[in-house]
mmCIF file of all heavy atoms, coordinates in Angstrom:
data_MODEL
# 
_entry.id   MODEL 
# 
loop_
_atom_site.group_PDB 
_atom_site.id 
_atom_site.type_symbol 
_atom_site.label_atom_id 
_atom_site.label_alt_id 
_atom_site.label_comp_id 
_atom_site.label_asym_id 
_atom_site.label_entity_id 
_atom_site.label_seq_id 
_atom_site.pdbx_PDB_ins_code 
_atom_site.Cartn_x 
_atom_site.Cartn_y 
_atom_site.Cartn_z 
_atom_site.occupancy 
_atom_site.B_iso_or_equiv 
_atom_site.pdbx_formal_charge 
_atom_site.auth_seq_id 
_atom_site.auth_comp_id 
_atom_site.auth_asym_id 
_atom_site.auth_atom_id 
_atom_site.pdbx_PDB_model_num 
ATOM 1   N N   . GLY A 1 1  ? 95.159  84.337  88.962  1.00 0.00 ? 1  GLY A N   1 
ATOM 2   C CA  . GLY A 1 1  ? 95.178  85.368  87.895  1.00 0.00 ? 1  GLY A CA  1 
ATOM 3   C C   . GLY A 1 1  ? 96.575  85.432  87.270  1.00 0.00 ? 1  GLY A C   1 
ATOM 4   O O   . GLY A 1 1  ? 97.237  84.369  86.997  1.00 0.00 ? 1  GLY A O   1 
ATOM 5   N N   . ASN A 1 2  ? 96.999  86.611  86.903  1.00 0.00 ? 2  ASN A N   1 
ATOM 6   C CA  . ASN A 1 2  ? 98.281  86.741  86.291  1.00 0.00 ? 2  ASN A CA  1 
ATOM 7   C C   . ASN A 1 2  ? 99.395  86.681  87.306  1.00 0.00 ? 2  ASN A C   1 
ATOM 8   O O   . ASN A 1 2  ? 100.566 86.560  86.959  1.00 0.00 ? 2  ASN A O   1 
ATOM 9   C CB  . ASN A 1 2  ? 98.328  88.094  85.493  1.00 0.00 ? 2  ASN A CB  1 
ATOM 10  C CG  . ASN A 1 2  ? 99.223  87.997  84.282  1.00 0.00 ? 2  ASN A CG  1 
ATOM 11  O OD1 . ASN A 1 2  ? 99.152  87.066  83.482  1.00 0.00 ? 2  ASN A OD1 1 
ATOM 12  N ND2 . ASN A 1 2  ? 100.182 88.999  84.139  1.00 0.00 ? 2  ASN A ND2 1 
ATOM 13  N N   . GLY A 1 3  ? 99.050  86.803  88.545  1.00 0.00 ? 3  GLY A N   1 
ATOM 14  C CA  . GLY A 1 3  ? 100.050 86.783  89.605  1.00 0.00 ? 3  GLY A CA  1 
ATOM 15  C C   . GLY A 1 3  ? 100.956 85.578  89.641  1.00 0.00 ? 3  GLY A C   1 
ATOM 16  O O   . GLY A 1 3  ? 102.149 85.656  89.998  1.00 0.00 ? 3  GLY A O   1 
ATOM 17  N N   . LYS A 1 4  ? 100.411 84.465  89.267  1.00 0.00 ? 4  LYS A N   1 
ATOM 18  C CA  . LYS A 1 4  ? 101.168 83.165  89.313  1.00 0.00 ? 4  LYS A CA  1 
ATOM 19  C C   . LYS A 1 4  ? 102.312 83.203  88.281  1.00 0.00 ? 4  LYS A C   1 
ATOM 20  O O   . LYS A 1 4  ? 103.241 82.367  88.398  1.00 0.00 ? 4  LYS A O   1 
ATOM 21  C CB  . LYS A 1 4  ? 100.343 81.963  89.205  1.00 0.00 ? 4  LYS A CB  1 
ATOM 22  C CG  . LYS A 1 4  ? 99.446  81.892  87.897  1.00 0.00 ? 4  LYS A CG  1 
ATOM 23  C CD  . LYS A 1 4  ? 98.472  80.713  87.962  1.00 0.00 ? 4  LYS A CD  1 
ATOM 24  C CE  . LYS A 1 4  ? 97.541  80.717  86.763  1.00 0.00 ? 4  LYS A CE  1 
ATOM 25  N NZ  . LYS A 1 4  ? 96.501  81.740  86.979  1.00 0.00 ? 4  LYS A NZ  1 
ATOM 26  N N   . PHE A 1 5  ? 102.154 84.080  87.250  1.00 0.00 ? 5  PHE A N   1 
ATOM 27  C CA  . PHE A 1 5  ? 103.166 84.104  86.236  1.00 0.00 ? 5  PHE A CA  1 
ATOM 28  C C   . PHE A 1 5  ? 104.216 85.233  86.513  1.00 0.00 ? 5  PHE A C   1 
ATOM 29  O O   . PHE A 1 5  ? 105.322 85.261  85.854  1.00 0.00 ? 5  PHE A O   1 
ATOM 30  C CB  . PHE A 1 5  ? 102.552 84.493  84.863  1.00 0.00 ? 5  PHE A CB  1 
ATOM 31  C CG  . PHE A 1 5  ? 101.528 83.515  84.415  1.00 0.00 ? 5  PHE A CG  1 
ATOM 32  C CD1 . PHE A 1 5  ? 100.221 83.865  84.309  1.00 0.00 ? 5  PHE A CD1 1 
ATOM 33  C CD2 . PHE A 1 5  ? 101.888 82.257  83.994  1.00 0.00 ? 5  PHE A CD2 1 
ATOM 34  C CE1 . PHE A 1 5  ? 99.269  82.962  83.944  1.00 0.00 ? 5  PHE A CE1 1 
ATOM 35  C CE2 . PHE A 1 5  ? 100.923 81.333  83.646  1.00 0.00 ? 5  PHE A CE2 1 
ATOM 36  C CZ  . PHE A 1 5  ? 99.587  81.710  83.534  1.00 0.00 ? 5  PHE A CZ  1 
ATOM 37  N N   . ASP A 1 6  ? 103.932 86.070  87.453  1.00 0.00 ? 6  ASP A N   1 
ATOM 38  C CA  . ASP A 1 6  ? 104.828 87.251  87.695  1.00 0.00 ? 6  ASP A CA  1 
ATOM 39  C C   . ASP A 1 6  ? 106.204 86.743  88.217  1.00 0.00 ? 6  ASP A C   1 
ATOM 40  O O   . ASP A 1 6  ? 106.297 85.829  89.009  1.00 0.00 ? 6  ASP A O   1 
ATOM 41  C CB  . ASP A 1 6  ? 104.163 88.256  88.688  1.00 0.00 ? 6  ASP A CB  1 
ATOM 42  C CG  . ASP A 1 6  ? 103.363 89.264  88.038  1.00 0.00 ? 6  ASP A CG  1 
ATOM 43  O OD1 . ASP A 1 6  ? 103.999 90.220  87.425  1.00 0.00 ? 6  ASP A OD1 1 
ATOM 44  O OD2 . ASP A 1 6  ? 102.112 89.186  87.994  1.00 0.00 ? 6  ASP A OD2 1 
ATOM 45  N N   . MET A 1 7  ? 107.168 87.464  87.738  1.00 0.00 ? 7  MET A N   1 
ATOM 46  C CA  . MET A 1 7  ? 108.575 87.079  88.011  1.00 0.00 ? 7  MET A CA  1 
ATOM 47  C C   . MET A 1 7  ? 109.184 87.667  89.243  1.00 0.00 ? 7  MET A C   1 
ATOM 48  O O   . MET A 1 7  ? 109.891 87.036  89.951  1.00 0.00 ? 7  MET A O   1 
ATOM 49  C CB  . MET A 1 7  ? 109.460 87.314  86.744  1.00 0.00 ? 7  MET A CB  1 
ATOM 50  C CG  . MET A 1 7  ? 108.883 86.634  85.536  1.00 0.00 ? 7  MET A CG  1 
ATOM 51  S SD  . MET A 1 7  ? 109.719 87.218  83.989  1.00 0.00 ? 7  MET A SD  1 
ATOM 52  C CE  . MET A 1 7  ? 108.832 86.237  82.818  1.00 0.00 ? 7  MET A CE  1 
ATOM 53  N N   . LEU A 1 8  ? 108.897 88.972  89.431  1.00 0.00 ? 8  LEU A N   1 
ATOM 54  C CA  . LEU A 1 8  ? 109.684 89.758  90.314  1.00 0.00 ? 8  LEU A CA  1 
ATOM 55  C C   . LEU A 1 8  ? 108.688 90.541  91.291  1.00 0.00 ? 8  LEU A C   1 
ATOM 56  O O   . LEU A 1 8  ? 107.594 90.908  90.921  1.00 0.00 ? 8  LEU A O   1 
ATOM 57  C CB  . LEU A 1 8  ? 110.582 90.687  89.675  1.00 0.00 ? 8  LEU A CB  1 
ATOM 58  C CG  . LEU A 1 8  ? 111.506 90.160  88.575  1.00 0.00 ? 8  LEU A CG  1 
ATOM 59  C CD1 . LEU A 1 8  ? 112.094 91.285  87.734  1.00 0.00 ? 8  LEU A CD1 1 
ATOM 60  C CD2 . LEU A 1 8  ? 112.493 89.254  89.120  1.00 0.00 ? 8  LEU A CD2 1 
ATOM 61  N N   . ILE A 1 9  ? 109.199 90.845  92.397  1.00 0.00 ? 9  ILE A N   1 
ATOM 62  C CA  . ILE A 1 9  ? 108.519 91.845  93.331  1.00 0.00 ? 9  ILE A CA  1 
ATOM 63  C C   . ILE A 1 9  ? 109.421 93.098  93.373  1.00 0.00 ? 9  ILE A C   1 
ATOM 64  O O   . ILE A 1 9  ? 110.528 93.031  93.884  1.00 0.00 ? 9  ILE A O   1 
ATOM 65  C CB  . ILE A 1 9  ? 108.367 91.260  94.731  1.00 0.00 ? 9  ILE A CB  1 
ATOM 66  C CG1 . ILE A 1 9  ? 107.323 90.146  94.808  1.00 0.00 ? 9  ILE A CG1 1 
ATOM 67  C CG2 . ILE A 1 9  ? 107.914 92.339  95.723  1.00 0.00 ? 9  ILE A CG2 1 
ATOM 68  C CD1 . ILE A 1 9  ? 105.900 90.552  94.829  1.00 0.00 ? 9  ILE A CD1 1 
ATOM 69  N N   . PHE A 1 10 ? 108.902 94.143  92.812  1.00 0.00 ? 10 PHE A N   1 
ATOM 70  C CA  . PHE A 1 10 ? 109.652 95.395  92.774  1.00 0.00 ? 10 PHE A CA  1 
ATOM 71  C C   . PHE A 1 10 ? 109.419 96.196  94.105  1.00 0.00 ? 10 PHE A C   1 
ATOM 72  O O   . PHE A 1 10 ? 108.357 96.130  94.633  1.00 0.00 ? 10 PHE A O   1 
ATOM 73  C CB  . PHE A 1 10 ? 109.283 96.168  91.511  1.00 0.00 ? 10 PHE A CB  1 
ATOM 74  C CG  . PHE A 1 10 ? 109.620 95.572  90.204  1.00 0.00 ? 10 PHE A CG  1 
ATOM 75  C CD1 . PHE A 1 10 ? 108.664 94.905  89.453  1.00 0.00 ? 10 PHE A CD1 1 
ATOM 76  C CD2 . PHE A 1 10 ? 110.979 95.598  89.732  1.00 0.00 ? 10 PHE A CD2 1 
ATOM 77  C CE1 . PHE A 1 10 ? 108.994 94.338  88.277  1.00 0.00 ? 10 PHE A CE1 1 
ATOM 78  C CE2 . PHE A 1 10 ? 111.302 94.991  88.574  1.00 0.00 ? 10 PHE A CE2 1 
ATOM 79  C CZ  . PHE A 1 10 ? 110.306 94.412  87.804  1.00 0.00 ? 10 PHE A CZ  1 
ATOM 80  N N   . ASP A 1 11 ? 110.381 97.070  94.376  1.00 0.00 ? 11 ASP A N   1 
ATOM 81  C CA  . ASP A 1 11 ? 110.215 98.061  95.378  1.00 0.00 ? 11 ASP A CA  1 
ATOM 82  C C   . ASP A 1 11 ? 109.778 97.492  96.752  1.00 0.00 ? 11 ASP A C   1 
ATOM 83  O O   . ASP A 1 11 ? 108.988 98.150  97.504  1.00 0.00 ? 11 ASP A O   1 
ATOM 84  C CB  . ASP A 1 11 ? 109.146 99.098  95.010  1.00 0.00 ? 11 ASP A CB  1 
ATOM 85  C CG  . ASP A 1 11 ? 109.749 100.236 94.173  1.00 0.00 ? 11 ASP A CG  1 
ATOM 86  O OD1 . ASP A 1 11 ? 110.998 100.276 94.087  1.00 0.00 ? 11 ASP A OD1 1 
ATOM 87  O OD2 . ASP A 1 11 ? 109.029 101.045 93.560  1.00 0.00 ? 11 ASP A OD2 1 
ATOM 88  N N   . LEU A 1 12 ? 110.245 96.387  97.030  1.00 0.00 ? 12 LEU A N   1 
ATOM 89  C CA  . LEU A 1 12 ? 109.914 95.794  98.434  1.00 0.00 ? 12 LEU A CA  1 
ATOM 90  C C   . LEU A 1 12 ? 111.011 96.348  99.419  1.00 0.00 ? 12 LEU A C   1 
ATOM 91  O O   . LEU A 1 12 ? 112.132 96.243  99.133  1.00 0.00 ? 12 LEU A O   1 
ATOM 92  C CB  . LEU A 1 12 ? 110.035 94.301  98.341  1.00 0.00 ? 12 LEU A CB  1 
ATOM 93  C CG  . LEU A 1 12 ? 109.587 93.505  99.607  1.00 0.00 ? 12 LEU A CG  1 
ATOM 94  C CD1 . LEU A 1 12 ? 108.161 93.781  99.990  1.00 0.00 ? 12 LEU A CD1 1 
ATOM 95  C CD2 . LEU A 1 12 ? 109.801 92.032  99.451  1.00 0.00 ? 12 LEU A CD2 1 
ATOM 96  N N   . ILE A 1 13 ? 110.485 96.836  100.538 1.00 0.00 ? 13 ILE A N   1 
ATOM 97  C CA  . ILE A 1 13 ? 111.386 97.386  101.541 1.00 0.00 ? 13 ILE A CA  1 
ATOM 98  C C   . ILE A 1 13 ? 111.192 96.612  102.854 1.00 0.00 ? 13 ILE A C   1 
ATOM 99  O O   . ILE A 1 13 ? 110.181 95.976  103.071 1.00 0.00 ? 13 ILE A O   1 
ATOM 100 C CB  . ILE A 1 13 ? 111.219 98.881  101.725 1.00 0.00 ? 13 ILE A CB  1 
ATOM 101 C CG1 . ILE A 1 13 ? 109.724 99.152  102.193 1.00 0.00 ? 13 ILE A CG1 1 
ATOM 102 C CG2 . ILE A 1 13 ? 111.493 99.653  100.480 1.00 0.00 ? 13 ILE A CG2 1 
ATOM 103 C CD1 . ILE A 1 13 ? 109.433 100.671 102.581 1.00 0.00 ? 13 ILE A CD1 1 
ATOM 104 N N   . ASN A 1 14 ? 112.289 96.692  103.664 1.00 0.00 ? 14 ASN A N   1 
ATOM 105 C CA  . ASN A 1 14 ? 112.294 96.086  104.976 1.00 0.00 ? 14 ASN A CA  1 
ATOM 106 C C   . ASN A 1 14 ? 112.117 94.572  104.940 1.00 0.00 ? 14 ASN A C   1 
ATOM 107 O O   . ASN A 1 14 ? 111.579 93.947  105.765 1.00 0.00 ? 14 ASN A O   1 
ATOM 108 C CB  . ASN A 1 14 ? 111.096 96.662  105.871 1.00 0.00 ? 14 ASN A CB  1 
ATOM 109 C CG  . ASN A 1 14 ? 111.257 96.261  107.377 1.00 0.00 ? 14 ASN A CG  1 
ATOM 110 O OD1 . ASN A 1 14 ? 112.342 96.278  107.916 1.00 0.00 ? 14 ASN A OD1 1 
ATOM 111 N ND2 . ASN A 1 14 ? 110.163 95.897  107.887 1.00 0.00 ? 14 ASN A ND2 1 
ATOM 112 N N   . SER A 1 15 ? 112.698 93.973  103.935 1.00 0.00 ? 15 SER A N   1 
ATOM 113 C CA  . SER A 1 15 ? 112.677 92.562  103.848 1.00 0.00 ? 15 SER A CA  1 
ATOM 114 C C   . SER A 1 15 ? 113.766 91.937  104.742 1.00 0.00 ? 15 SER A C   1 
ATOM 115 O O   . SER A 1 15 ? 114.752 92.657  105.083 1.00 0.00 ? 15 SER A O   1 
ATOM 116 C CB  . SER A 1 15 ? 112.845 92.046  102.373 1.00 0.00 ? 15 SER A CB  1 
ATOM 117 O OG  . SER A 1 15 ? 114.199 92.317  101.929 1.00 0.00 ? 15 SER A OG  1 
ATOM 118 N N   . LYS A 1 16 ? 113.656 90.675  105.043 1.00 0.00 ? 16 LYS A N   1 
ATOM 119 C CA  . LYS A 1 16 ? 114.560 90.015  105.935 1.00 0.00 ? 16 LYS A CA  1 
ATOM 120 C C   . LYS A 1 16 ? 115.920 89.993  105.260 1.00 0.00 ? 16 LYS A C   1 
ATOM 121 O O   . LYS A 1 16 ? 116.989 90.268  106.012 1.00 0.00 ? 16 LYS A O   1 
ATOM 122 C CB  . LYS A 1 16 ? 114.114 88.577  106.171 1.00 0.00 ? 16 LYS A CB  1 
ATOM 123 C CG  . LYS A 1 16 ? 115.013 87.686  107.026 1.00 0.00 ? 16 LYS A CG  1 
ATOM 124 C CD  . LYS A 1 16 ? 114.305 86.357  107.264 1.00 0.00 ? 16 LYS A CD  1 
ATOM 125 C CE  . LYS A 1 16 ? 115.246 85.476  108.235 1.00 0.00 ? 16 LYS A CE  1 
ATOM 126 N NZ  . LYS A 1 16 ? 116.409 85.051  107.525 1.00 0.00 ? 16 LYS A NZ  1 
ATOM 127 N N   . VAL A 1 17 ? 116.058 89.686  103.953 1.00 0.00 ? 17 VAL A N   1 
ATOM 128 C CA  . VAL A 1 17 ? 117.345 89.644  103.289 1.00 0.00 ? 17 VAL A CA  1 
ATOM 129 C C   . VAL A 1 17 ? 118.018 91.038  103.215 1.00 0.00 ? 17 VAL A C   1 
ATOM 130 O O   . VAL A 1 17 ? 119.206 91.159  103.309 1.00 0.00 ? 17 VAL A O   1 
ATOM 131 C CB  . VAL A 1 17 ? 117.207 88.967  101.961 1.00 0.00 ? 17 VAL A CB  1 
ATOM 132 C CG1 . VAL A 1 17 ? 117.004 87.481  102.085 1.00 0.00 ? 17 VAL A CG1 1 
ATOM 133 C CG2 . VAL A 1 17 ? 116.209 89.641  101.077 1.00 0.00 ? 17 VAL A CG2 1 
ATOM 134 N N   . GLN A 1 18 ? 117.205 92.127  103.068 1.00 0.00 ? 18 GLN A N   1 
ATOM 135 C CA  . GLN A 1 18 ? 117.734 93.429  103.081 1.00 0.00 ? 18 GLN A CA  1 
ATOM 136 C C   . GLN A 1 18 ? 118.394 93.757  104.440 1.00 0.00 ? 18 GLN A C   1 
ATOM 137 O O   . GLN A 1 18 ? 119.515 94.273  104.504 1.00 0.00 ? 18 GLN A O   1 
ATOM 138 C CB  . GLN A 1 18 ? 116.639 94.480  102.670 1.00 0.00 ? 18 GLN A CB  1 
ATOM 139 C CG  . GLN A 1 18 ? 116.259 94.446  101.243 1.00 0.00 ? 18 GLN A CG  1 
ATOM 140 C CD  . GLN A 1 18 ? 115.053 95.346  101.013 1.00 0.00 ? 18 GLN A CD  1 
ATOM 141 O OE1 . GLN A 1 18 ? 114.174 95.505  101.858 1.00 0.00 ? 18 GLN A OE1 1 
ATOM 142 N NE2 . GLN A 1 18 ? 114.977 95.959  99.816  1.00 0.00 ? 18 GLN A NE2 1 
ATOM 143 N N   . ARG A 1 19 ? 117.615 93.467  105.507 1.00 0.00 ? 19 ARG A N   1 
ATOM 144 C CA  . ARG A 1 19 ? 118.073 93.781  106.810 1.00 0.00 ? 19 ARG A CA  1 
ATOM 145 C C   . ARG A 1 19 ? 119.337 93.037  107.179 1.00 0.00 ? 19 ARG A C   1 
ATOM 146 O O   . ARG A 1 19 ? 120.235 93.593  107.790 1.00 0.00 ? 19 ARG A O   1 
ATOM 147 C CB  . ARG A 1 19 ? 116.953 93.462  107.873 1.00 0.00 ? 19 ARG A CB  1 
ATOM 148 C CG  . ARG A 1 19 ? 115.715 94.392  107.760 1.00 0.00 ? 19 ARG A CG  1 
ATOM 149 C CD  . ARG A 1 19 ? 114.826 94.268  108.975 1.00 0.00 ? 19 ARG A CD  1 
ATOM 150 N NE  . ARG A 1 19 ? 114.474 92.910  109.342 1.00 0.00 ? 19 ARG A NE  1 
ATOM 151 C CZ  . ARG A 1 19 ? 113.387 92.245  108.832 1.00 0.00 ? 19 ARG A CZ  1 
ATOM 152 N NH1 . ARG A 1 19 ? 112.608 92.896  107.965 1.00 0.00 ? 19 ARG A NH1 1 
ATOM 153 N NH2 . ARG A 1 19 ? 113.164 91.000  109.211 1.00 0.00 ? 19 ARG A NH2 1 
ATOM 154 N N   . GLU A 1 20 ? 119.354 91.838  106.738 1.00 0.00 ? 20 GLU A N   1 
ATOM 155 C CA  . GLU A 1 20 ? 120.605 90.987  107.011 1.00 0.00 ? 20 GLU A CA  1 
ATOM 156 C C   . GLU A 1 20 ? 121.816 91.570  106.320 1.00 0.00 ? 20 GLU A C   1 
ATOM 157 O O   . GLU A 1 20 ? 122.939 91.369  106.810 1.00 0.00 ? 20 GLU A O   1 
ATOM 158 C CB  . GLU A 1 20 ? 120.384 89.550  106.541 1.00 0.00 ? 20 GLU A CB  1 
ATOM 159 C CG  . GLU A 1 20 ? 119.390 88.703  107.416 1.00 0.00 ? 20 GLU A CG  1 
ATOM 160 C CD  . GLU A 1 20 ? 119.113 87.366  106.890 1.00 0.00 ? 20 GLU A CD  1 
ATOM 161 O OE1 . GLU A 1 20 ? 119.417 87.106  105.720 1.00 0.00 ? 20 GLU A OE1 1 
ATOM 162 O OE2 . GLU A 1 20 ? 118.493 86.530  107.637 1.00 0.00 ? 20 GLU A OE2 1 
ATOM 163 N N   . ASP A 1 21 ? 121.605 92.285  105.150 1.00 0.00 ? 21 ASP A N   1 
ATOM 164 C CA  . ASP A 1 21 ? 122.677 92.892  104.467 1.00 0.00 ? 21 ASP A CA  1 
ATOM 165 C C   . ASP A 1 21 ? 122.880 94.351  104.879 1.00 0.00 ? 21 ASP A C   1 
ATOM 166 O O   . ASP A 1 21 ? 123.731 95.052  104.217 1.00 0.00 ? 21 ASP A O   1 
ATOM 167 C CB  . ASP A 1 21 ? 122.474 92.766  102.921 1.00 0.00 ? 21 ASP A CB  1 
ATOM 168 C CG  . ASP A 1 21 ? 122.721 91.384  102.377 1.00 0.00 ? 21 ASP A CG  1 
ATOM 169 O OD1 . ASP A 1 21 ? 123.304 90.557  103.116 1.00 0.00 ? 21 ASP A OD1 1 
ATOM 170 O OD2 . ASP A 1 21 ? 122.355 91.123  101.269 1.00 0.00 ? 21 ASP A OD2 1 
ATOM 171 N N   . GLY A 1 22 ? 122.155 94.796  105.881 1.00 0.00 ? 22 GLY A N   1 
ATOM 172 C CA  . GLY A 1 22 ? 122.347 96.165  106.339 1.00 0.00 ? 22 GLY A CA  1 
ATOM 173 C C   . GLY A 1 22 ? 121.719 97.261  105.513 1.00 0.00 ? 22 GLY A C   1 
ATOM 174 O O   . GLY A 1 22 ? 121.977 98.414  105.700 1.00 0.00 ? 22 GLY A O   1 
ATOM 175 N N   . LEU A 1 23 ? 120.790 96.834  104.656 1.00 0.00 ? 23 LEU A N   1 
ATOM 176 C CA  . LEU A 1 23 ? 120.051 97.845  103.843 1.00 0.00 ? 23 LEU A CA  1 
ATOM 177 C C   . LEU A 1 23 ? 118.810 98.306  104.506 1.00 0.00 ? 23 LEU A C   1 
ATOM 178 O O   . LEU A 1 23 ? 118.004 97.463  104.987 1.00 0.00 ? 23 LEU A O   1 
ATOM 179 C CB  . LEU A 1 23 ? 119.654 97.200  102.446 1.00 0.00 ? 23 LEU A CB  1 
ATOM 180 C CG  . LEU A 1 23 ? 120.753 97.083  101.407 1.00 0.00 ? 23 LEU A CG  1 
ATOM 181 C CD1 . LEU A 1 23 ? 120.202 96.383  100.174 1.00 0.00 ? 23 LEU A CD1 1 
ATOM 182 C CD2 . LEU A 1 23 ? 121.288 98.527  101.022 1.00 0.00 ? 23 LEU A CD2 1 
ATOM 183 N N   . GLU A 1 24 ? 118.675 99.571  104.694 1.00 0.00 ? 24 GLU A N   1 
ATOM 184 C CA  . GLU A 1 24 ? 117.546 100.062 105.470 1.00 0.00 ? 24 GLU A CA  1 
ATOM 185 C C   . GLU A 1 24 ? 116.753 101.085 104.596 1.00 0.00 ? 24 GLU A C   1 
ATOM 186 O O   . GLU A 1 24 ? 117.326 102.002 104.114 1.00 0.00 ? 24 GLU A O   1 
ATOM 187 C CB  . GLU A 1 24 ? 117.947 100.758 106.756 1.00 0.00 ? 24 GLU A CB  1 
ATOM 188 C CG  . GLU A 1 24 ? 118.573 99.827  107.722 1.00 0.00 ? 24 GLU A CG  1 
ATOM 189 C CD  . GLU A 1 24 ? 118.872 100.528 109.088 1.00 0.00 ? 24 GLU A CD  1 
ATOM 190 O OE1 . GLU A 1 24 ? 118.462 101.678 109.241 1.00 0.00 ? 24 GLU A OE1 1 
ATOM 191 O OE2 . GLU A 1 24 ? 119.529 99.908  109.933 1.00 0.00 ? 24 GLU A OE2 1 
ATOM 192 N N   . PHE A 1 25 ? 115.517 100.846 104.420 1.00 0.00 ? 25 PHE A N   1 
ATOM 193 C CA  . PHE A 1 25 ? 114.549 101.755 103.688 1.00 0.00 ? 25 PHE A CA  1 
ATOM 194 C C   . PHE A 1 25 ? 113.398 101.987 104.529 1.00 0.00 ? 25 PHE A C   1 
ATOM 195 O O   . PHE A 1 25 ? 112.676 101.098 104.979 1.00 0.00 ? 25 PHE A O   1 
ATOM 196 C CB  . PHE A 1 25 ? 114.149 101.111 102.347 1.00 0.00 ? 25 PHE A CB  1 
ATOM 197 C CG  . PHE A 1 25 ? 115.268 100.803 101.425 1.00 0.00 ? 25 PHE A CG  1 
ATOM 198 C CD1 . PHE A 1 25 ? 115.805 99.546  101.199 1.00 0.00 ? 25 PHE A CD1 1 
ATOM 199 C CD2 . PHE A 1 25 ? 115.807 101.870 100.589 1.00 0.00 ? 25 PHE A CD2 1 
ATOM 200 C CE1 . PHE A 1 25 ? 116.846 99.320  100.408 1.00 0.00 ? 25 PHE A CE1 1 
ATOM 201 C CE2 . PHE A 1 25 ? 116.843 101.617 99.703  1.00 0.00 ? 25 PHE A CE2 1 
ATOM 202 C CZ  . PHE A 1 25 ? 117.367 100.352 99.646  1.00 0.00 ? 25 PHE A CZ  1 
ATOM 203 N N   . THR A 1 26 ? 113.171 103.226 104.820 1.00 0.00 ? 26 THR A N   1 
ATOM 204 C CA  . THR A 1 26 ? 111.994 103.583 105.666 1.00 0.00 ? 26 THR A CA  1 
ATOM 205 C C   . THR A 1 26 ? 110.736 103.853 104.796 1.00 0.00 ? 26 THR A C   1 
ATOM 206 O O   . THR A 1 26 ? 110.816 104.047 103.671 1.00 0.00 ? 26 THR A O   1 
ATOM 207 C CB  . THR A 1 26 ? 112.320 104.813 106.512 1.00 0.00 ? 26 THR A CB  1 
ATOM 208 O OG1 . THR A 1 26 ? 112.473 105.929 105.659 1.00 0.00 ? 26 THR A OG1 1 
ATOM 209 C CG2 . THR A 1 26 ? 113.636 104.630 107.368 1.00 0.00 ? 26 THR A CG2 1 
ATOM 210 N N   . VAL A 1 27 ? 109.624 103.910 105.532 1.00 0.00 ? 27 VAL A N   1 
ATOM 211 C CA  . VAL A 1 27 ? 108.396 104.340 104.893 1.00 0.00 ? 27 VAL A CA  1 
ATOM 212 C C   . VAL A 1 27 ? 108.542 105.691 104.263 1.00 0.00 ? 27 VAL A C   1 
ATOM 213 O O   . VAL A 1 27 ? 108.092 105.904 103.137 1.00 0.00 ? 27 VAL A O   1 
ATOM 214 C CB  . VAL A 1 27 ? 107.168 104.292 105.900 1.00 0.00 ? 27 VAL A CB  1 
ATOM 215 C CG1 . VAL A 1 27 ? 105.983 104.989 105.358 1.00 0.00 ? 27 VAL A CG1 1 
ATOM 216 C CG2 . VAL A 1 27 ? 106.910 102.919 106.379 1.00 0.00 ? 27 VAL A CG2 1 
ATOM 217 N N   . GLU A 1 28 ? 109.202 106.656 104.991 1.00 0.00 ? 28 GLU A N   1 
ATOM 218 C CA  . GLU A 1 28 ? 109.461 107.937 104.478 1.00 0.00 ? 28 GLU A CA  1 
ATOM 219 C C   . GLU A 1 28 ? 110.272 107.884 103.138 1.00 0.00 ? 28 GLU A C   1 
ATOM 220 O O   . GLU A 1 28 ? 110.009 108.679 102.227 1.00 0.00 ? 28 GLU A O   1 
ATOM 221 C CB  . GLU A 1 28 ? 110.101 108.858 105.475 1.00 0.00 ? 28 GLU A CB  1 
ATOM 222 C CG  . GLU A 1 28 ? 109.239 109.178 106.697 1.00 0.00 ? 28 GLU A CG  1 
ATOM 223 C CD  . GLU A 1 28 ? 108.953 107.987 107.583 1.00 0.00 ? 28 GLU A CD  1 
ATOM 224 O OE1 . GLU A 1 28 ? 109.775 107.054 107.660 1.00 0.00 ? 28 GLU A OE1 1 
ATOM 225 O OE2 . GLU A 1 28 ? 107.910 107.985 108.266 1.00 0.00 ? 28 GLU A OE2 1 
ATOM 226 N N   . ASP A 1 29 ? 111.323 107.075 103.128 1.00 0.00 ? 29 ASP A N   1 
ATOM 227 C CA  . ASP A 1 29 ? 112.123 106.910 101.934 1.00 0.00 ? 29 ASP A CA  1 
ATOM 228 C C   . ASP A 1 29 ? 111.232 106.444 100.772 1.00 0.00 ? 29 ASP A C   1 
ATOM 229 O O   . ASP A 1 29 ? 111.388 106.950 99.652  1.00 0.00 ? 29 ASP A O   1 
ATOM 230 C CB  . ASP A 1 29 ? 113.222 105.881 102.129 1.00 0.00 ? 29 ASP A CB  1 
ATOM 231 C CG  . ASP A 1 29 ? 114.290 106.293 103.115 1.00 0.00 ? 29 ASP A CG  1 
ATOM 232 O OD1 . ASP A 1 29 ? 114.418 107.523 103.280 1.00 0.00 ? 29 ASP A OD1 1 
ATOM 233 O OD2 . ASP A 1 29 ? 114.901 105.398 103.748 1.00 0.00 ? 29 ASP A OD2 1 
ATOM 234 N N   . PHE A 1 30 ? 110.390 105.567 100.974 1.00 0.00 ? 30 PHE A N   1 
ATOM 235 C CA  . PHE A 1 30 ? 109.521 104.989 99.927  1.00 0.00 ? 30 PHE A CA  1 
ATOM 236 C C   . PHE A 1 30 ? 108.600 106.087 99.389  1.00 0.00 ? 30 PHE A C   1 
ATOM 237 O O   . PHE A 1 30 ? 108.432 106.340 98.211  1.00 0.00 ? 30 PHE A O   1 
ATOM 238 C CB  . PHE A 1 30 ? 108.651 103.891 100.480 1.00 0.00 ? 30 PHE A CB  1 
ATOM 239 C CG  . PHE A 1 30 ? 107.861 103.116 99.418  1.00 0.00 ? 30 PHE A CG  1 
ATOM 240 C CD1 . PHE A 1 30 ? 108.362 101.971 98.855  1.00 0.00 ? 30 PHE A CD1 1 
ATOM 241 C CD2 . PHE A 1 30 ? 106.681 103.636 98.928  1.00 0.00 ? 30 PHE A CD2 1 
ATOM 242 C CE1 . PHE A 1 30 ? 107.609 101.312 97.849  1.00 0.00 ? 30 PHE A CE1 1 
ATOM 243 C CE2 . PHE A 1 30 ? 105.880 102.953 98.017  1.00 0.00 ? 30 PHE A CE2 1 
ATOM 244 C CZ  . PHE A 1 30 ? 106.447 101.798 97.478  1.00 0.00 ? 30 PHE A CZ  1 
ATOM 245 N N   . ILE A 1 31 ? 108.009 106.892 100.276 1.00 0.00 ? 31 ILE A N   1 
ATOM 246 C CA  . ILE A 1 31 ? 107.037 107.962 99.926  1.00 0.00 ? 31 ILE A CA  1 
ATOM 247 C C   . ILE A 1 31 ? 107.803 109.000 99.099  1.00 0.00 ? 31 ILE A C   1 
ATOM 248 O O   . ILE A 1 31 ? 107.274 109.423 97.995  1.00 0.00 ? 31 ILE A O   1 
ATOM 249 C CB  . ILE A 1 31 ? 106.504 108.606 101.188 1.00 0.00 ? 31 ILE A CB  1 
ATOM 250 C CG1 . ILE A 1 31 ? 105.535 107.621 101.888 1.00 0.00 ? 31 ILE A CG1 1 
ATOM 251 C CG2 . ILE A 1 31 ? 105.697 109.928 100.799 1.00 0.00 ? 31 ILE A CG2 1 
ATOM 252 C CD1 . ILE A 1 31 ? 105.013 108.127 103.215 1.00 0.00 ? 31 ILE A CD1 1 
# 
């Protein structure tokens, strides 16, 4: 579909690169 053209993933939390940089976002933060 259109997904193969999409450029960015917005609002992703708890990713490996975030954790490695010390960024923490909980489910509650997201809500």
